[in-house]
Structures are given as C-alpha cells and as structure tokens.
C-alpha cells in the first residue's frame, strides 16, 4: 500500500476491525473496501493477525513475545 494511501486508510481499517468506528465511518470504509483490492487485502491481513493474537492469550499467562507483539499492535490503533 502506498504511503499516502496507507496513512489515509490504515487507521480507518483498524478502527472498523476493532469495532470503534461510527456507523457512518464504517459505511465509508465498507464502500472503499468494495473498490480497493489493496485495502481489502490489508483488512484481511489485519483480521488474521488479530485472530492469531487473540488465540495466543493475554496478560500474565501469555508468552512474553506475544505480550510484546500485542503491545506493539496497540500502537497502530492509538
């Protein structure tokens, strides 16, 4: 994904995936995903990463490497 395109859509994709987007923002992103194969692929990849991290555990029981990845991933959603 190009830098400008990524800057514009990256956070929007993540906020939709995390359920933090307003209904209006969600509609805009969904329309964009129907038209942009690049962002559609990015959304699929983000969803896969989110599911994988969720399966690996959280908190004290999580592997330290997983905890670091989860902390790193939250920086992208802030």
C-alpha atoms as a PDB file:
ATOM      1  CA  UNK A   1       0.000   0.000   0.000  1.00  0.00           C
ATOM      2  CA  UNK A   2       1.402   3.399  -0.913  1.00  0.00           C
ATOM      3  CA  UNK A   3       2.412   5.702   1.921  1.00  0.00           C
ATOM      4  CA  UNK A   4      -0.300   8.307   1.368  1.00  0.00           C
ATOM      5  CA  UNK A   5      -2.978   5.668   0.824  1.00  0.00           C
ATOM      6  CA  UNK A   6      -1.791   3.787   3.898  1.00  0.00           C
ATOM      7  CA  UNK A   7      -1.820   6.930   6.054  1.00  0.00           C
ATOM      8  CA  UNK A   8      -5.341   7.727   4.939  1.00  0.00           C
ATOM      9  CA  UNK A   9      -6.904   4.284   5.281  1.00  0.00           C
ATOM     10  CA  UNK A  10      -4.753   2.292   7.726  1.00  0.00           C
ATOM     11  CA  UNK A  11      -6.247   3.712  10.909  1.00  0.00           C
ATOM     12  CA  UNK A  12      -9.736   3.613   9.458  1.00  0.00           C
ATOM     13  CA  UNK A  13      -9.412  -0.076   8.661  1.00  0.00           C
ATOM     14  CA  UNK A  14      -8.153  -0.833  12.149  1.00  0.00           C
ATOM     15  CA  UNK A  15     -10.902   1.181  13.871  1.00  0.00           C
ATOM     16  CA  UNK A  16     -13.543  -0.736  11.889  1.00  0.00           C
ATOM     17  CA  UNK A  17     -11.930  -4.053  12.713  1.00  0.00           C
ATOM     18  CA  UNK A  18     -11.847  -3.140  16.403  1.00  0.00           C
ATOM     19  CA  UNK A  19     -15.495  -2.036  16.390  1.00  0.00           C
ATOM     20  CA  UNK A  20     -14.549   1.547  17.252  1.00  0.00           C
ATOM     21  CA  UNK A  21     -15.794   3.215  14.056  1.00  0.00           C
ATOM     22  CA  UNK A  22     -19.054   5.119  13.911  1.00  0.00           C
ATOM     23  CA  UNK A  23     -21.727   3.680  11.624  1.00  0.00           C
ATOM     24  CA  UNK A  24     -21.049   6.472   9.108  1.00  0.00           C
ATOM     25  CA  UNK A  25     -17.302   5.753   9.117  1.00  0.00           C
ATOM     26  CA  UNK A  26     -17.991   2.030   8.814  1.00  0.00           C
ATOM     27  CA  UNK A  27     -20.134   2.646   5.716  1.00  0.00           C
ATOM     28  CA  UNK A  28     -17.368   4.734   4.122  1.00  0.00           C
ATOM     29  CA  UNK A  29     -14.764   2.056   4.808  1.00  0.00           C
ATOM     30  CA  UNK A  30     -17.011  -0.742   3.556  1.00  0.00           C
ATOM     31  CA  UNK A  31     -17.585   1.157   0.310  1.00  0.00           C
ATOM     32  CA  UNK A  32     -13.836   1.707  -0.043  1.00  0.00           C
ATOM     33  CA  UNK A  33     -13.160  -1.988   0.567  1.00  0.00           C
ATOM     34  CA  UNK A  34     -15.527  -2.889  -2.293  1.00  0.00           C
ATOM     35  CA  UNK A  35     -13.491  -0.654  -4.619  1.00  0.00           C
ATOM     36  CA  UNK A  36      -9.920  -1.146  -3.363  1.00  0.00           C
ATOM     37  CA  UNK A  37      -8.360  -4.600  -3.591  1.00  0.00           C
ATOM     38  CA  UNK A  38      -5.254  -3.344  -1.800  1.00  0.00           C
ATOM     39  CA  UNK A  39      -7.162  -2.229   1.291  1.00  0.00           C
ATOM     40  CA  UNK A  40      -9.338  -5.327   1.155  1.00  0.00           C
ATOM     41  CA  UNK A  41      -6.194  -7.446   1.379  1.00  0.00           C
ATOM     42  CA  UNK A  42      -4.853  -5.267   4.184  1.00  0.00           C
ATOM     43  CA  UNK A  43      -8.103  -5.682   6.113  1.00  0.00           C
ATOM     44  CA  UNK A  44      -7.940  -9.462   5.716  1.00  0.00           C
ATOM     45  CA  UNK A  45      -4.339  -9.476   6.952  1.00  0.00           C
ATOM     46  CA  UNK A  46      -5.209  -7.287   9.974  1.00  0.00           C
ATOM     47  CA  UNK A  47      -8.118  -9.580  10.837  1.00  0.00           C
ATOM     48  CA  UNK A  48      -5.857 -12.651  10.644  1.00  0.00           C
ATOM     49  CA  UNK A  49      -3.273 -11.044  12.920  1.00  0.00           C
ATOM     50  CA  UNK A  50      -5.962 -10.009  15.392  1.00  0.00           C
ATOM     51  CA  UNK A  51      -7.407 -13.546  15.499  1.00  0.00           C
ATOM     52  CA  UNK A  52      -3.941 -15.090  15.901  1.00  0.00           C
ATOM     53  CA  UNK A  53      -3.038 -12.774  18.776  1.00  0.00           C
ATOM     54  CA  UNK A  54      -6.376 -13.457  20.470  1.00  0.00           C
ATOM     55  CA  UNK A  55      -5.719 -17.207  20.341  1.00  0.00           C
ATOM     56  CA  UNK A  56      -2.289 -16.815  21.952  1.00  0.00           C
ATOM     57  CA  UNK A  57      -3.515 -15.431  25.259  1.00  0.00           C
ATOM     58  CA  UNK A  58      -3.286 -12.254  27.269  1.00  0.00           C
ATOM     59  CA  UNK A  59      -1.804 -10.949  30.468  1.00  0.00           C
ATOM     60  CA  UNK A  60       0.471 -12.913  32.765  1.00  0.00           C
ATOM     61  CA  UNK A  61      -0.258 -16.251  31.091  1.00  0.00           C
ATOM     62  CA  UNK A  62       0.841 -15.041  27.668  1.00  0.00           C
ATOM     63  CA  UNK A  63       4.245 -15.786  26.247  1.00  0.00           C
ATOM     64  CA  UNK A  64       6.483 -12.693  26.672  1.00  0.00           C
ATOM     65  CA  UNK A  65       6.973 -12.461  22.906  1.00  0.00           C
ATOM     66  CA  UNK A  66       3.201 -12.452  22.392  1.00  0.00           C
ATOM     67  CA  UNK A  67       2.805  -9.741  25.022  1.00  0.00           C
ATOM     68  CA  UNK A  68       5.377  -7.611  23.176  1.00  0.00           C
ATOM     69  CA  UNK A  69       3.549  -8.153  19.865  1.00  0.00           C
ATOM     70  CA  UNK A  70       0.227  -7.225  21.437  1.00  0.00           C
ATOM     71  CA  UNK A  71       1.730  -4.066  22.943  1.00  0.00           C
ATOM     72  CA  UNK A  72       3.256  -3.200  19.575  1.00  0.00           C
ATOM     73  CA  UNK A  73      -0.064  -3.816  17.799  1.00  0.00           C
ATOM     74  CA  UNK A  74      -1.907  -1.422  20.120  1.00  0.00           C
ATOM     75  CA  UNK A  75       0.355   1.402  18.942  1.00  0.00           C
ATOM     76  CA  UNK A  76      -1.185   1.051  15.485  1.00  0.00           C
ATOM     77  CA  UNK A  77      -4.687   1.525  16.830  1.00  0.00           C
ATOM     78  CA  UNK A  78      -3.973   4.534  19.017  1.00  0.00           C
END
